[in-house]
């Protein structure tokens, strides 16, 4: 026991320049990353709460005035207009129950304006193989469509061309600027995933719910803050040195 107490009395906390600077740099980095992930989680939680509230209020009417895409994400909308079947395209590499197929994307001219909105009318399989595009009927005349707004991803995938060459109607992804140029009219910055309304067809409409990643971001924040605490403890123990004997 005397030896132990003597050992403790001989220990001194000694600050060394380079280890201290390295510790402070690492501590600042870990705290910054923890705060960043925590902030992302809080912002995502607020967005999900806002979207849930908007869903309870029912669908809003889309007019010719352009929407704020990010604010409209996952919100329900209703739109009235006429389909532009001439510019209908198919979105490739879409699966339903492990079956390959496409999503049918049809522009709709919004009633009372020249603005268009893209409607994802649903999924259809390759009934005759990939060499023949599916045949999908498009309603004529005035239609009313209800759905959820989504902003297409702008991420480009490796080896995936921007402009498919084999078939002009078969696209690998939705490119809103390209579609607006093709139409020659203003285009809403969202795609409406159809959930109801005038739909005399057999297209499959199973849309994945918004992904809740709040817990993931908060978990990452906890890890970064934990690493900051562990670094601080390690530094404290490492800086203790046995003092020189008098």
C-alpha atoms as a PDB file:
ATOM      1  CA  UNK A   1       0.000   0.000   0.000  1.00  0.00           C
ATOM      2  CA  UNK A   2       2.852   2.389   0.839  1.00  0.00           C
ATOM      3  CA  UNK A   3       4.460   1.596  -2.511  1.00  0.00           C
ATOM      4  CA  UNK A   4       1.182   2.398  -4.337  1.00  0.00           C
ATOM      5  CA  UNK A   5       0.724   5.745  -2.549  1.00  0.00           C
ATOM      6  CA  UNK A   6       4.327   6.585  -3.148  1.00  0.00           C
ATOM      7  CA  UNK A   7       3.862   5.873  -6.868  1.00  0.00           C
ATOM      8  CA  UNK A   8       0.829   8.168  -7.014  1.00  0.00           C
ATOM      9  CA  UNK A   9       2.707  10.964  -5.235  1.00  0.00           C
ATOM     10  CA  UNK A  10       5.513  10.684  -7.750  1.00  0.00           C
ATOM     11  CA  UNK A  11       3.164  11.121 -10.744  1.00  0.00           C
ATOM     12  CA  UNK A  12       3.005  14.596 -12.327  1.00  0.00           C
ATOM     13  CA  UNK A  13       0.778  15.985 -15.076  1.00  0.00           C
ATOM     14  CA  UNK A  14       3.126  17.224 -17.773  1.00  0.00           C
ATOM     15  CA  UNK A  15       1.868  19.120 -20.818  1.00  0.00           C
ATOM     16  CA  UNK A  16       3.845  18.387 -23.959  1.00  0.00           C
ATOM     17  CA  UNK A  17       3.451  20.663 -26.968  1.00  0.00           C
ATOM     18  CA  UNK A  18       3.087  18.290 -29.921  1.00  0.00           C
ATOM     19  CA  UNK A  19       0.751  15.735 -28.229  1.00  0.00           C
ATOM     20  CA  UNK A  20      -1.361  18.613 -26.883  1.00  0.00           C
ATOM     21  CA  UNK A  21      -1.711  20.231 -30.313  1.00  0.00           C
ATOM     22  CA  UNK A  22      -2.594  16.851 -31.861  1.00  0.00           C
ATOM     23  CA  UNK A  23      -5.179  16.249 -29.141  1.00  0.00           C
ATOM     24  CA  UNK A  24      -6.769  19.676 -29.616  1.00  0.00           C
ATOM     25  CA  UNK A  25      -6.930  19.173 -33.383  1.00  0.00           C
ATOM     26  CA  UNK A  26      -8.525  15.741 -33.030  1.00  0.00           C
ATOM     27  CA  UNK A  27     -10.914  16.982 -30.340  1.00  0.00           C
ATOM     28  CA  UNK A  28     -12.067  19.889 -32.515  1.00  0.00           C
ATOM     29  CA  UNK A  29     -12.560  17.560 -35.480  1.00  0.00           C
ATOM     30  CA  UNK A  30     -14.595  14.996 -33.531  1.00  0.00           C
ATOM     31  CA  UNK A  31     -16.785  17.672 -31.918  1.00  0.00           C
ATOM     32  CA  UNK A  32     -17.363  19.331 -35.296  1.00  0.00           C
ATOM     33  CA  UNK A  33     -18.370  16.027 -36.916  1.00  0.00           C
ATOM     34  CA  UNK A  34     -20.641  15.189 -33.987  1.00  0.00           C
ATOM     35  CA  UNK A  35     -22.369  18.576 -34.164  1.00  0.00           C
ATOM     36  CA  UNK A  36     -22.691  18.246 -37.944  1.00  0.00           C
ATOM     37  CA  UNK A  37     -24.392  14.843 -37.706  1.00  0.00           C
ATOM     38  CA  UNK A  38     -26.588  16.003 -34.823  1.00  0.00           C
ATOM     39  CA  UNK A  39     -27.660  19.036 -36.833  1.00  0.00           C
ATOM     40  CA  UNK A  40     -28.514  16.879 -39.852  1.00  0.00           C
ATOM     41  CA  UNK A  41     -30.632  14.644 -37.628  1.00  0.00           C
ATOM     42  CA  UNK A  42     -32.482  17.616 -36.116  1.00  0.00           C
ATOM     43  CA  UNK A  43     -33.150  19.175 -39.539  1.00  0.00           C
ATOM     44  CA  UNK A  44     -34.386  15.864 -40.938  1.00  0.00           C
ATOM     45  CA  UNK A  45     -36.671  15.341 -37.936  1.00  0.00           C
ATOM     46  CA  UNK A  46     -38.166  18.807 -38.464  1.00  0.00           C
ATOM     47  CA  UNK A  47     -38.681  18.104 -42.191  1.00  0.00           C
ATOM     48  CA  UNK A  48     -40.404  14.778 -41.469  1.00  0.00           C
ATOM     49  CA  UNK A  49     -42.671  16.419 -38.897  1.00  0.00           C
ATOM     50  CA  UNK A  50     -43.576  19.156 -41.374  1.00  0.00           C
ATOM     51  CA  UNK A  51     -44.326  16.624 -44.112  1.00  0.00           C
ATOM     52  CA  UNK A  52     -46.521  14.600 -41.752  1.00  0.00           C
ATOM     53  CA  UNK A  53     -48.461  17.755 -40.902  1.00  0.00           C
ATOM     54  CA  UNK A  54     -48.928  18.624 -44.574  1.00  0.00           C
ATOM     55  CA  UNK A  55     -50.171  15.102 -45.286  1.00  0.00           C
ATOM     56  CA  UNK A  56     -52.856  15.515 -42.639  1.00  0.00           C
ATOM     57  CA  UNK A  57     -54.024  18.751 -44.286  1.00  0.00           C
ATOM     58  CA  UNK A  58     -54.697  16.962 -47.602  1.00  0.00           C
ATOM     59  CA  UNK A  59     -53.380  17.595 -51.111  1.00  0.00           C
ATOM     60  CA  UNK A  60     -52.746  21.144 -52.319  1.00  0.00           C
ATOM     61  CA  UNK A  61     -53.619  22.215 -55.872  1.00  0.00           C
ATOM     62  CA  UNK A  62     -50.765  22.607 -58.339  1.00  0.00           C
ATOM     63  CA  UNK A  63     -51.130  25.633 -60.624  1.00  0.00           C
ATOM     64  CA  UNK A  64     -48.935  27.103 -63.320  1.00  0.00           C
ATOM     65  CA  UNK A  65     -46.808  28.905 -60.726  1.00  0.00           C
ATOM     66  CA  UNK A  66     -43.557  27.022 -60.175  1.00  0.00           C
ATOM     67  CA  UNK A  67     -43.214  25.260 -56.840  1.00  0.00           C
ATOM     68  CA  UNK A  68     -40.277  25.274 -54.459  1.00  0.00           C
ATOM     69  CA  UNK A  69     -38.998  21.759 -55.101  1.00  0.00           C
ATOM     70  CA  UNK A  70     -37.361  21.136 -51.721  1.00  0.00           C
ATOM     71  CA  UNK A  71     -40.325  22.543 -49.808  1.00  0.00           C
ATOM     72  CA  UNK A  72     -42.730  20.375 -51.824  1.00  0.00           C
ATOM     73  CA  UNK A  73     -40.770  17.133 -51.340  1.00  0.00           C
ATOM     74  CA  UNK A  74     -43.066  14.238 -50.261  1.00  0.00           C
ATOM     75  CA  UNK A  75     -46.093  16.557 -49.968  1.00  0.00           C
ATOM     76  CA  UNK A  76     -49.449  15.512 -51.472  1.00  0.00           C
ATOM     77  CA  UNK A  77     -50.744  17.487 -54.459  1.00  0.00           C
ATOM     78  CA  UNK A  78     -53.616  17.459 -56.911  1.00  0.00           C
ATOM     79  CA  UNK A  79     -53.271  18.703 -60.473  1.00  0.00           C
ATOM     80  CA  UNK A  80     -55.779  19.145 -63.283  1.00  0.00           C
ATOM     81  CA  UNK A  81     -54.817  19.203 -66.931  1.00  0.00           C
ATOM     82  CA  UNK A  82     -54.254  17.152 -70.077  1.00  0.00           C
ATOM     83  CA  UNK A  83     -51.550  14.574 -70.758  1.00  0.00           C
ATOM     84  CA  UNK A  84     -48.909  15.119 -73.426  1.00  0.00           C
ATOM     85  CA  UNK A  85     -48.554  11.529 -74.624  1.00  0.00           C
ATOM     86  CA  UNK A  86     -46.197  12.542 -77.434  1.00  0.00           C
ATOM     87  CA  UNK A  87     -43.412  13.260 -74.930  1.00  0.00           C
ATOM     88  CA  UNK A  88     -44.045  10.261 -72.676  1.00  0.00           C
ATOM     89  CA  UNK A  89     -40.883   8.359 -71.692  1.00  0.00           C
ATOM     90  CA  UNK A  90     -40.005   5.212 -69.759  1.00  0.00           C
ATOM     91  CA  UNK A  91     -37.651   5.173 -66.788  1.00  0.00           C
ATOM     92  CA  UNK A  92     -35.429   2.102 -67.030  1.00  0.00           C
ATOM     93  CA  UNK A  93     -34.207  -0.371 -64.376  1.00  0.00           C
ATOM     94  CA  UNK A  94     -37.249  -0.302 -62.087  1.00  0.00           C
ATOM     95  CA  UNK A  95     -38.304  -3.451 -60.251  1.00  0.00           C
ATOM     96  CA  UNK A  96     -41.560  -4.614 -58.717  1.00  0.00           C
ATOM     97  CA  UNK A  97     -41.582  -7.874 -56.740  1.00  0.00           C
ATOM     98  CA  UNK A  98     -38.140  -8.659 -58.204  1.00  0.00           C
ATOM     99  CA  UNK A  99     -39.504  -8.329 -61.736  1.00  0.00           C
ATOM    100  CA  UNK A 100     -37.706  -5.960 -64.153  1.00  0.00           C
ATOM    101  CA  UNK A 101     -39.663  -3.159 -65.724  1.00  0.00           C
ATOM    102  CA  UNK A 102     -40.004   0.583 -66.199  1.00  0.00           C
ATOM    103  CA  UNK A 103     -41.806   3.564 -64.740  1.00  0.00           C
ATOM    104  CA  UNK A 104     -44.095   5.480 -67.095  1.00  0.00           C
ATOM    105  CA  UNK A 105     -43.346   9.222 -67.023  1.00  0.00           C
ATOM    106  CA  UNK A 106     -45.918  11.406 -68.799  1.00  0.00           C
ATOM    107  CA  UNK A 107     -45.896  15.223 -68.950  1.00  0.00           C
ATOM    108  CA  UNK A 108     -49.166  16.887 -68.040  1.00  0.00           C
ATOM    109  CA  UNK A 109     -50.144  20.373 -69.215  1.00  0.00           C
ATOM    110  CA  UNK A 110     -51.552  22.146 -66.177  1.00  0.00           C
ATOM    111  CA  UNK A 111     -54.983  23.584 -66.790  1.00  0.00           C
ATOM    112  CA  UNK A 112     -55.008  27.353 -67.341  1.00  0.00           C
ATOM    113  CA  UNK A 113     -51.292  27.645 -68.030  1.00  0.00           C
ATOM    114  CA  UNK A 114     -48.458  26.527 -70.307  1.00  0.00           C
ATOM    115  CA  UNK A 115     -46.577  24.937 -67.398  1.00  0.00           C
ATOM    116  CA  UNK A 116     -46.040  21.191 -67.405  1.00  0.00           C
ATOM    117  CA  UNK A 117     -45.534  18.717 -64.590  1.00  0.00           C
ATOM    118  CA  UNK A 118     -44.136  15.208 -64.941  1.00  0.00           C
ATOM    119  CA  UNK A 119     -46.371  12.454 -63.627  1.00  0.00           C
ATOM    120  CA  UNK A 120     -44.919   9.087 -62.674  1.00  0.00           C
ATOM    121  CA  UNK A 121     -47.957   7.009 -63.517  1.00  0.00           C
ATOM    122  CA  UNK A 122     -46.547   3.728 -62.216  1.00  0.00           C
ATOM    123  CA  UNK A 123     -44.665   0.567 -63.067  1.00  0.00           C
ATOM    124  CA  UNK A 124     -45.082  -1.851 -65.963  1.00  0.00           C
ATOM    125  CA  UNK A 125     -43.011  -4.926 -66.781  1.00  0.00           C
ATOM    126  CA  UNK A 126     -41.171  -5.849 -69.964  1.00  0.00           C
ATOM    127  CA  UNK A 127     -44.043  -7.900 -71.366  1.00  0.00           C
ATOM    128  CA  UNK A 128     -42.312  -8.523 -74.712  1.00  0.00           C
ATOM    129  CA  UNK A 129     -38.688  -8.286 -73.627  1.00  0.00           C
ATOM    130  CA  UNK A 130     -36.380  -5.280 -73.660  1.00  0.00           C
ATOM    131  CA  UNK A 131     -36.386  -5.091 -77.433  1.00  0.00           C
ATOM    132  CA  UNK A 132     -39.984  -3.789 -77.449  1.00  0.00           C
ATOM    133  CA  UNK A 133     -41.149  -0.893 -75.276  1.00  0.00           C
ATOM    134  CA  UNK A 134     -44.320  -1.577 -73.247  1.00  0.00           C
ATOM    135  CA  UNK A 135     -47.584  -0.352 -74.713  1.00  0.00           C
ATOM    136  CA  UNK A 136     -49.342   1.935 -72.213  1.00  0.00           C
ATOM    137  CA  UNK A 137     -52.592   3.762 -72.854  1.00  0.00           C
ATOM    138  CA  UNK A 138     -52.764   7.423 -71.910  1.00  0.00           C
ATOM    139  CA  UNK A 139     -56.085   9.040 -70.936  1.00  0.00           C
ATOM    140  CA  UNK A 140     -57.385  11.640 -73.373  1.00  0.00           C
ATOM    141  CA  UNK A 141     -58.896  14.955 -72.384  1.00  0.00           C
ATOM    142  CA  UNK A 142     -59.060  16.597 -68.988  1.00  0.00           C
ATOM    143  CA  UNK A 143     -57.812  14.528 -66.050  1.00  0.00           C
ATOM    144  CA  UNK A 144     -57.365  15.099 -62.338  1.00  0.00           C
ATOM    145  CA  UNK A 145     -54.344  13.441 -60.728  1.00  0.00           C
ATOM    146  CA  UNK A 146     -53.387  13.112 -57.060  1.00  0.00           C
ATOM    147  CA  UNK A 147     -49.938  12.101 -55.900  1.00  0.00           C
ATOM    148  CA  UNK A 148     -46.821  12.783 -53.870  1.00  0.00           C
ATOM    149  CA  UNK A 149     -44.205  15.265 -55.057  1.00  0.00           C
ATOM    150  CA  UNK A 150     -40.616  14.102 -55.298  1.00  0.00           C
ATOM    151  CA  UNK A 151     -37.475  15.847 -56.497  1.00  0.00           C
ATOM    152  CA  UNK A 152     -35.483  13.623 -58.904  1.00  0.00           C
ATOM    153  CA  UNK A 153     -31.939  12.841 -57.839  1.00  0.00           C
ATOM    154  CA  UNK A 154     -29.209  14.640 -59.760  1.00  0.00           C
ATOM    155  CA  UNK A 155     -26.571  12.015 -58.933  1.00  0.00           C
ATOM    156  CA  UNK A 156     -24.880  10.445 -61.931  1.00  0.00           C
ATOM    157  CA  UNK A 157     -23.948   6.787 -61.753  1.00  0.00           C
ATOM    158  CA  UNK A 158     -20.718   5.413 -63.151  1.00  0.00           C
ATOM    159  CA  UNK A 159     -21.046   3.949 -66.650  1.00  0.00           C
ATOM    160  CA  UNK A 160     -24.683   5.111 -66.863  1.00  0.00           C
ATOM    161  CA  UNK A 161     -25.123   7.420 -69.906  1.00  0.00           C
ATOM    162  CA  UNK A 162     -26.977  10.713 -69.619  1.00  0.00           C
ATOM    163  CA  UNK A 163     -28.681  10.192 -72.981  1.00  0.00           C
ATOM    164  CA  UNK A 164     -29.542   6.564 -73.771  1.00  0.00           C
ATOM    165  CA  UNK A 165     -28.720   5.807 -77.382  1.00  0.00           C
ATOM    166  CA  UNK A 166     -30.666   2.616 -78.055  1.00  0.00           C
ATOM    167  CA  UNK A 167     -34.161   4.074 -77.587  1.00  0.00           C
ATOM    168  CA  UNK A 168     -34.988   7.761 -77.325  1.00  0.00           C
ATOM    169  CA  UNK A 169     -38.023   6.988 -75.142  1.00  0.00           C
ATOM    170  CA  UNK A 170     -36.035   4.916 -72.619  1.00  0.00           C
ATOM    171  CA  UNK A 171     -34.200   7.041 -70.052  1.00  0.00           C
ATOM    172  CA  UNK A 172     -31.863   5.931 -67.295  1.00  0.00           C
ATOM    173  CA  UNK A 173     -32.900   8.775 -64.972  1.00  0.00           C
ATOM    174  CA  UNK A 174     -35.169  11.817 -64.926  1.00  0.00           C
ATOM    175  CA  UNK A 175     -33.254  14.870 -66.110  1.00  0.00           C
ATOM    176  CA  UNK A 176     -35.519  17.896 -65.517  1.00  0.00           C
ATOM    177  CA  UNK A 177     -33.437  20.447 -67.516  1.00  0.00           C
ATOM    178  CA  UNK A 178     -33.299  18.024 -70.451  1.00  0.00           C
ATOM    179  CA  UNK A 179     -37.052  17.429 -70.218  1.00  0.00           C
ATOM    180  CA  UNK A 180     -37.783  21.172 -70.052  1.00  0.00           C
ATOM    181  CA  UNK A 181     -35.702  21.705 -73.193  1.00  0.00           C
ATOM    182  CA  UNK A 182     -37.530  18.849 -74.903  1.00  0.00           C
ATOM    183  CA  UNK A 183     -40.950  20.270 -74.025  1.00  0.00           C
ATOM    184  CA  UNK A 184     -40.158  23.911 -74.735  1.00  0.00           C
ATOM    185  CA  UNK A 185     -42.371  25.035 -71.838  1.00  0.00           C
ATOM    186  CA  UNK A 186     -41.942  25.809 -68.119  1.00  0.00           C
ATOM    187  CA  UNK A 187     -41.640  22.609 -66.067  1.00  0.00           C
ATOM    188  CA  UNK A 188     -42.425  22.107 -62.398  1.00  0.00           C
ATOM    189  CA  UNK A 189     -39.290  21.119 -60.415  1.00  0.00           C
ATOM    190  CA  UNK A 190     -40.953  17.994 -59.019  1.00  0.00           C
ATOM    191  CA  UNK A 191     -42.317  14.708 -60.320  1.00  0.00           C
ATOM    192  CA  UNK A 192     -45.772  13.693 -59.106  1.00  0.00           C
ATOM    193  CA  UNK A 193     -45.912  10.035 -58.069  1.00  0.00           C
ATOM    194  CA  UNK A 194     -49.521   9.201 -58.853  1.00  0.00           C
ATOM    195  CA  UNK A 195     -51.540   7.706 -56.024  1.00  0.00           C
ATOM    196  CA  UNK A 196     -55.066   8.387 -57.235  1.00  0.00           C
ATOM    197  CA  UNK A 197     -57.291  10.222 -59.670  1.00  0.00           C
ATOM    198  CA  UNK A 198     -58.132   9.366 -63.264  1.00  0.00           C
ATOM    199  CA  UNK A 199     -56.172   6.167 -63.957  1.00  0.00           C
ATOM    200  CA  UNK A 200     -57.911   3.727 -66.354  1.00  0.00           C
ATOM    201  CA  UNK A 201     -54.861   1.469 -66.596  1.00  0.00           C
ATOM    202  CA  UNK A 202     -53.177  -1.508 -64.944  1.00  0.00           C
ATOM    203  CA  UNK A 203     -49.965   0.231 -63.874  1.00  0.00           C
ATOM    204  CA  UNK A 204     -48.569  -0.704 -60.470  1.00  0.00           C
ATOM    205  CA  UNK A 205     -48.203   2.183 -58.018  1.00  0.00           C
ATOM    206  CA  UNK A 206     -46.206   1.121 -54.986  1.00  0.00           C
ATOM    207  CA  UNK A 207     -44.166   4.056 -53.716  1.00  0.00           C
ATOM    208  CA  UNK A 208     -41.599   3.667 -50.949  1.00  0.00           C
ATOM    209  CA  UNK A 209     -42.320   5.906 -47.921  1.00  0.00           C
ATOM    210  CA  UNK A 210     -39.863   8.719 -47.096  1.00  0.00           C
ATOM    211  CA  UNK A 211     -36.732   7.279 -45.519  1.00  0.00           C
ATOM    212  CA  UNK A 212     -36.388   8.104 -41.812  1.00  0.00           C
ATOM    213  CA  UNK A 213     -32.649   8.532 -41.191  1.00  0.00           C
ATOM    214  CA  UNK A 214     -32.949  10.623 -38.019  1.00  0.00           C
ATOM    215  CA  UNK A 215     -31.773   7.769 -35.795  1.00  0.00           C
ATOM    216  CA  UNK A 216     -28.831   7.032 -38.088  1.00  0.00           C
ATOM    217  CA  UNK A 217     -27.537  10.625 -37.968  1.00  0.00           C
ATOM    218  CA  UNK A 218     -27.995  10.864 -34.210  1.00  0.00           C
ATOM    219  CA  UNK A 219     -26.181   7.559 -33.805  1.00  0.00           C
ATOM    220  CA  UNK A 220     -23.258   8.904 -35.812  1.00  0.00           C
ATOM    221  CA  UNK A 221     -23.261  12.050 -33.657  1.00  0.00           C
ATOM    222  CA  UNK A 222     -23.092   9.936 -30.493  1.00  0.00           C
ATOM    223  CA  UNK A 223     -20.115   8.028 -31.915  1.00  0.00           C
ATOM    224  CA  UNK A 224     -18.194  11.207 -32.795  1.00  0.00           C
ATOM    225  CA  UNK A 225     -18.854  12.783 -29.382  1.00  0.00           C
ATOM    226  CA  UNK A 226     -17.853   9.505 -27.745  1.00  0.00           C
ATOM    227  CA  UNK A 227     -14.589   9.495 -29.683  1.00  0.00           C
ATOM    228  CA  UNK A 228     -13.941  13.073 -28.509  1.00  0.00           C
ATOM    229  CA  UNK A 229     -14.458  12.013 -24.906  1.00  0.00           C
ATOM    230  CA  UNK A 230     -12.246   8.956 -25.319  1.00  0.00           C
ATOM    231  CA  UNK A 231      -9.478  11.070 -26.871  1.00  0.00           C
ATOM    232  CA  UNK A 232      -9.633  13.526 -23.973  1.00  0.00           C
ATOM    233  CA  UNK A 233      -9.389  10.714 -21.400  1.00  0.00           C
ATOM    234  CA  UNK A 234      -6.503   9.068 -23.244  1.00  0.00           C
ATOM    235  CA  UNK A 235      -4.666  12.391 -23.382  1.00  0.00           C
ATOM    236  CA  UNK A 236      -5.172  12.941 -19.658  1.00  0.00           C
ATOM    237  CA  UNK A 237      -3.741   9.524 -18.739  1.00  0.00           C
ATOM    238  CA  UNK A 238      -0.900   9.805 -21.260  1.00  0.00           C
ATOM    239  CA  UNK A 239       0.270  13.156 -19.908  1.00  0.00           C
ATOM    240  CA  UNK A 240       0.923  11.772 -16.433  1.00  0.00           C
ATOM    241  CA  UNK A 241       4.642  11.122 -15.984  1.00  0.00           C
ATOM    242  CA  UNK A 242       6.682   9.975 -13.040  1.00  0.00           C
ATOM    243  CA  UNK A 243       8.316  13.008 -11.494  1.00  0.00           C
ATOM    244  CA  UNK A 244      12.036  13.327 -11.015  1.00  0.00           C
ATOM    245  CA  UNK A 245      13.290  12.289  -7.563  1.00  0.00           C
ATOM    246  CA  UNK A 246      14.653  15.120  -5.458  1.00  0.00           C
END
